[in-house]
């Protein structure tokens, strides 16, 4: 084999290795769907979580799945602040954070179909919580600082770069 032919074979092999990704690094559609449909606080597949944090393509596919099943979503929502109250529109819904002890998340929207869960994404971090039952078309959720996920959700929702999915 000539030197040129050997060099071309090595380049071809190197390209194939850089293109190939292990299956754990790129989760299947079924694995992403299972993760998207999980209950808040349920066990998660750590390989999927790792892939969502490290692989932008896997995160994009996952967010597309979330957006398709969401009642409403805002990939990037501009938050408007008025003193102690933070508001954000997510589709036909209005999210408000009322600062107090503890802060409250108030969700109002059309009576037709209220979401059951909320998932927020900021960078590679995600938080998912159960919203509970609506009372008179309004959902209240305490963003208690003693509950790590609820506190983090409140911090993330205040950031205009946060993506919000109402499921």
Protein backbone atom coordinates (compact mmCIF):
# COMPACT_ATOMS: atom_id res chain seq x y z
CA UNK A 1 0.00 0.00 0.00
CA UNK A 2 1.38 3.39 -0.96
CA UNK A 3 1.92 6.11 1.58
CA UNK A 4 -0.88 8.21 0.05
CA UNK A 5 -3.36 5.31 0.13
CA UNK A 6 -2.51 4.56 3.78
CA UNK A 7 -2.93 8.24 4.72
CA UNK A 8 -6.33 8.40 2.98
CA UNK A 9 -7.45 5.21 4.76
CA UNK A 10 -6.42 6.67 8.13
CA UNK A 11 -8.27 9.93 7.40
CA UNK A 12 -11.37 7.99 6.38
CA UNK A 13 -11.22 5.89 9.57
CA UNK A 14 -10.71 8.99 11.73
CA UNK A 15 -13.74 10.70 10.13
CA UNK A 16 -15.89 7.63 10.75
CA UNK A 17 -14.85 7.57 14.42
CA UNK A 18 -15.63 11.26 14.94
CA UNK A 19 -19.07 10.87 13.33
CA UNK A 20 -20.00 7.75 15.30
CA UNK A 21 -21.53 8.41 18.68
CA UNK A 22 -22.29 5.79 21.28
CA UNK A 23 -26.00 5.09 21.72
CA UNK A 24 -25.84 6.38 25.30
CA UNK A 25 -24.69 9.80 24.08
CA UNK A 26 -27.60 10.14 21.64
CA UNK A 27 -30.77 8.75 23.22
CA UNK A 28 -33.44 7.14 21.06
CA UNK A 29 -36.73 8.82 20.29
CA UNK A 30 -38.47 6.36 22.63
CA UNK A 31 -36.09 7.23 25.50
CA UNK A 32 -36.71 10.95 24.98
CA UNK A 33 -40.48 10.36 24.84
CA UNK A 34 -40.37 8.38 28.08
CA UNK A 35 -38.38 11.18 29.74
CA UNK A 36 -40.82 13.83 28.43
CA UNK A 37 -43.82 11.92 29.85
CA UNK A 38 -42.39 11.20 33.30
CA UNK A 39 -44.13 12.32 36.46
CA UNK A 40 -42.42 15.05 38.50
CA UNK A 41 -40.12 13.48 41.06
CA UNK A 42 -40.15 10.10 39.31
CA UNK A 43 -36.86 8.28 38.68
CA UNK A 44 -35.05 9.36 35.51
CA UNK A 45 -32.70 7.65 33.10
CA UNK A 46 -29.36 9.24 33.95
CA UNK A 47 -28.00 8.52 30.45
CA UNK A 48 -30.82 10.62 28.97
CA UNK A 49 -30.25 13.44 31.46
CA UNK A 50 -26.52 13.38 30.70
CA UNK A 51 -27.21 13.51 26.96
CA UNK A 52 -29.66 16.41 27.38
CA UNK A 53 -27.03 18.39 29.27
CA UNK A 54 -24.08 17.60 27.00
CA UNK A 55 -25.54 17.13 23.51
CA UNK A 56 -27.28 20.19 21.99
CA UNK A 57 -28.93 18.02 19.31
CA UNK A 58 -30.48 15.69 21.90
CA UNK A 59 -31.68 18.72 23.91
CA UNK A 60 -33.20 20.25 20.76
CA UNK A 61 -35.03 16.99 19.96
CA UNK A 62 -36.29 16.74 23.54
CA UNK A 63 -37.58 20.32 23.57
CA UNK A 64 -39.34 19.67 20.27
CA UNK A 65 -41.11 16.70 21.90
CA UNK A 66 -42.05 18.82 24.90
CA UNK A 67 -43.36 21.61 22.66
CA UNK A 68 -45.48 19.15 20.68
CA UNK A 69 -47.22 17.79 23.78
CA UNK A 70 -47.38 21.06 25.73
CA UNK A 71 -50.63 22.96 26.26
CA UNK A 72 -48.48 26.07 25.77
CA UNK A 73 -44.78 26.82 25.64
CA UNK A 74 -42.41 29.74 25.27
CA UNK A 75 -38.93 28.80 24.03
CA UNK A 76 -37.64 32.20 25.16
CA UNK A 77 -40.06 34.49 26.92
CA UNK A 78 -39.40 38.09 27.80
CA UNK A 79 -40.29 38.63 31.42
CA UNK A 80 -41.74 41.94 32.52
CA UNK A 81 -41.17 43.02 36.08
CA UNK A 82 -43.18 45.51 38.08
CA UNK A 83 -41.66 45.85 41.53
CA UNK A 84 -42.42 42.78 43.63
CA UNK A 85 -44.46 41.07 40.90
CA UNK A 86 -43.01 39.24 37.90
CA UNK A 87 -45.25 38.39 34.94
CA UNK A 88 -44.77 36.28 31.87
CA UNK A 89 -47.06 35.21 29.03
CA UNK A 90 -46.84 31.60 27.87
CA UNK A 91 -49.30 31.12 25.02
CA UNK A 92 -52.78 31.94 26.35
CA UNK A 93 -51.59 31.62 29.97
CA UNK A 94 -50.24 34.25 32.31
CA UNK A 95 -47.67 33.33 34.92
CA UNK A 96 -47.15 35.66 37.86
CA UNK A 97 -44.69 35.39 40.70
CA UNK A 98 -45.95 37.18 43.77
CA UNK A 99 -43.07 37.87 46.13
CA UNK A 100 -43.87 37.03 49.72
CA UNK A 101 -43.16 34.39 52.30
CA UNK A 102 -43.12 32.03 50.46
CA UNK A 103 -43.30 33.43 46.93
CA UNK A 104 -46.31 32.19 44.96
CA UNK A 105 -46.58 31.17 41.33
CA UNK A 106 -50.02 32.13 40.02
CA UNK A 107 -51.11 30.61 36.70
CA UNK A 108 -54.22 31.89 34.94
CA UNK A 109 -55.54 30.94 31.56
CA UNK A 110 -58.49 29.70 29.58
CA UNK A 111 -60.78 27.33 31.44
CA UNK A 112 -60.81 24.83 28.58
CA UNK A 113 -57.60 22.98 29.41
CA UNK A 114 -55.34 23.80 32.31
CA UNK A 115 -51.84 22.32 32.42
CA UNK A 116 -50.95 19.69 35.01
CA UNK A 117 -47.16 20.17 35.06
CA UNK A 118 -44.60 22.86 34.34
CA UNK A 119 -41.08 22.31 33.02
CA UNK A 120 -38.57 25.14 32.82
CA UNK A 121 -35.22 25.08 31.00
CA UNK A 122 -32.39 27.53 31.52
CA UNK A 123 -29.19 26.59 29.73
CA UNK A 124 -28.72 22.89 30.40
CA UNK A 125 -30.69 22.87 33.65
CA UNK A 126 -34.31 21.71 33.84
CA UNK A 127 -36.90 21.68 36.62
CA UNK A 128 -40.28 19.91 36.40
CA UNK A 129 -43.06 20.29 38.97
CA UNK A 130 -46.66 19.17 39.34
CA UNK A 131 -49.01 22.18 39.30
CA UNK A 132 -51.91 20.65 41.16
CA UNK A 133 -55.60 21.22 40.57
CA UNK A 134 -56.96 24.60 39.44
CA UNK A 135 -59.37 26.45 41.71
CA UNK A 136 -61.72 28.82 39.87
CA UNK A 137 -59.46 28.77 36.80
CA UNK A 138 -56.30 29.62 38.77
CA UNK A 139 -53.42 27.44 39.88
CA UNK A 140 -51.35 28.45 42.90
CA UNK A 141 -47.95 26.93 43.59
CA UNK A 142 -45.79 27.89 46.57
CA UNK A 143 -42.19 28.51 45.52
CA UNK A 144 -40.96 27.64 48.99
CA UNK A 145 -37.20 28.22 49.46
CA UNK A 146 -37.11 25.09 51.64
CA UNK A 147 -38.09 22.98 48.58
CA UNK A 148 -35.10 23.02 46.23
CA UNK A 149 -37.02 22.36 42.97
CA UNK A 150 -39.71 24.96 43.73
CA UNK A 151 -37.14 27.60 44.71
CA UNK A 152 -35.08 26.93 41.58
CA UNK A 153 -38.21 27.11 39.40
CA UNK A 154 -38.96 30.56 40.78
CA UNK A 155 -35.41 31.74 40.06
CA UNK A 156 -35.50 30.32 36.54
CA UNK A 157 -38.89 31.86 35.68
CA UNK A 158 -37.55 35.31 36.54
CA UNK A 159 -34.87 34.96 33.85
CA UNK A 160 -36.01 36.09 30.36
CA UNK A 161 -33.83 33.39 28.73
CA UNK A 162 -35.79 30.61 30.47
CA UNK A 163 -37.87 28.30 28.27
CA UNK A 164 -41.23 27.31 29.79
CA UNK A 165 -43.39 24.32 28.90
CA UNK A 166 -46.87 23.95 30.37
CA UNK A 167 -47.78 20.26 30.07
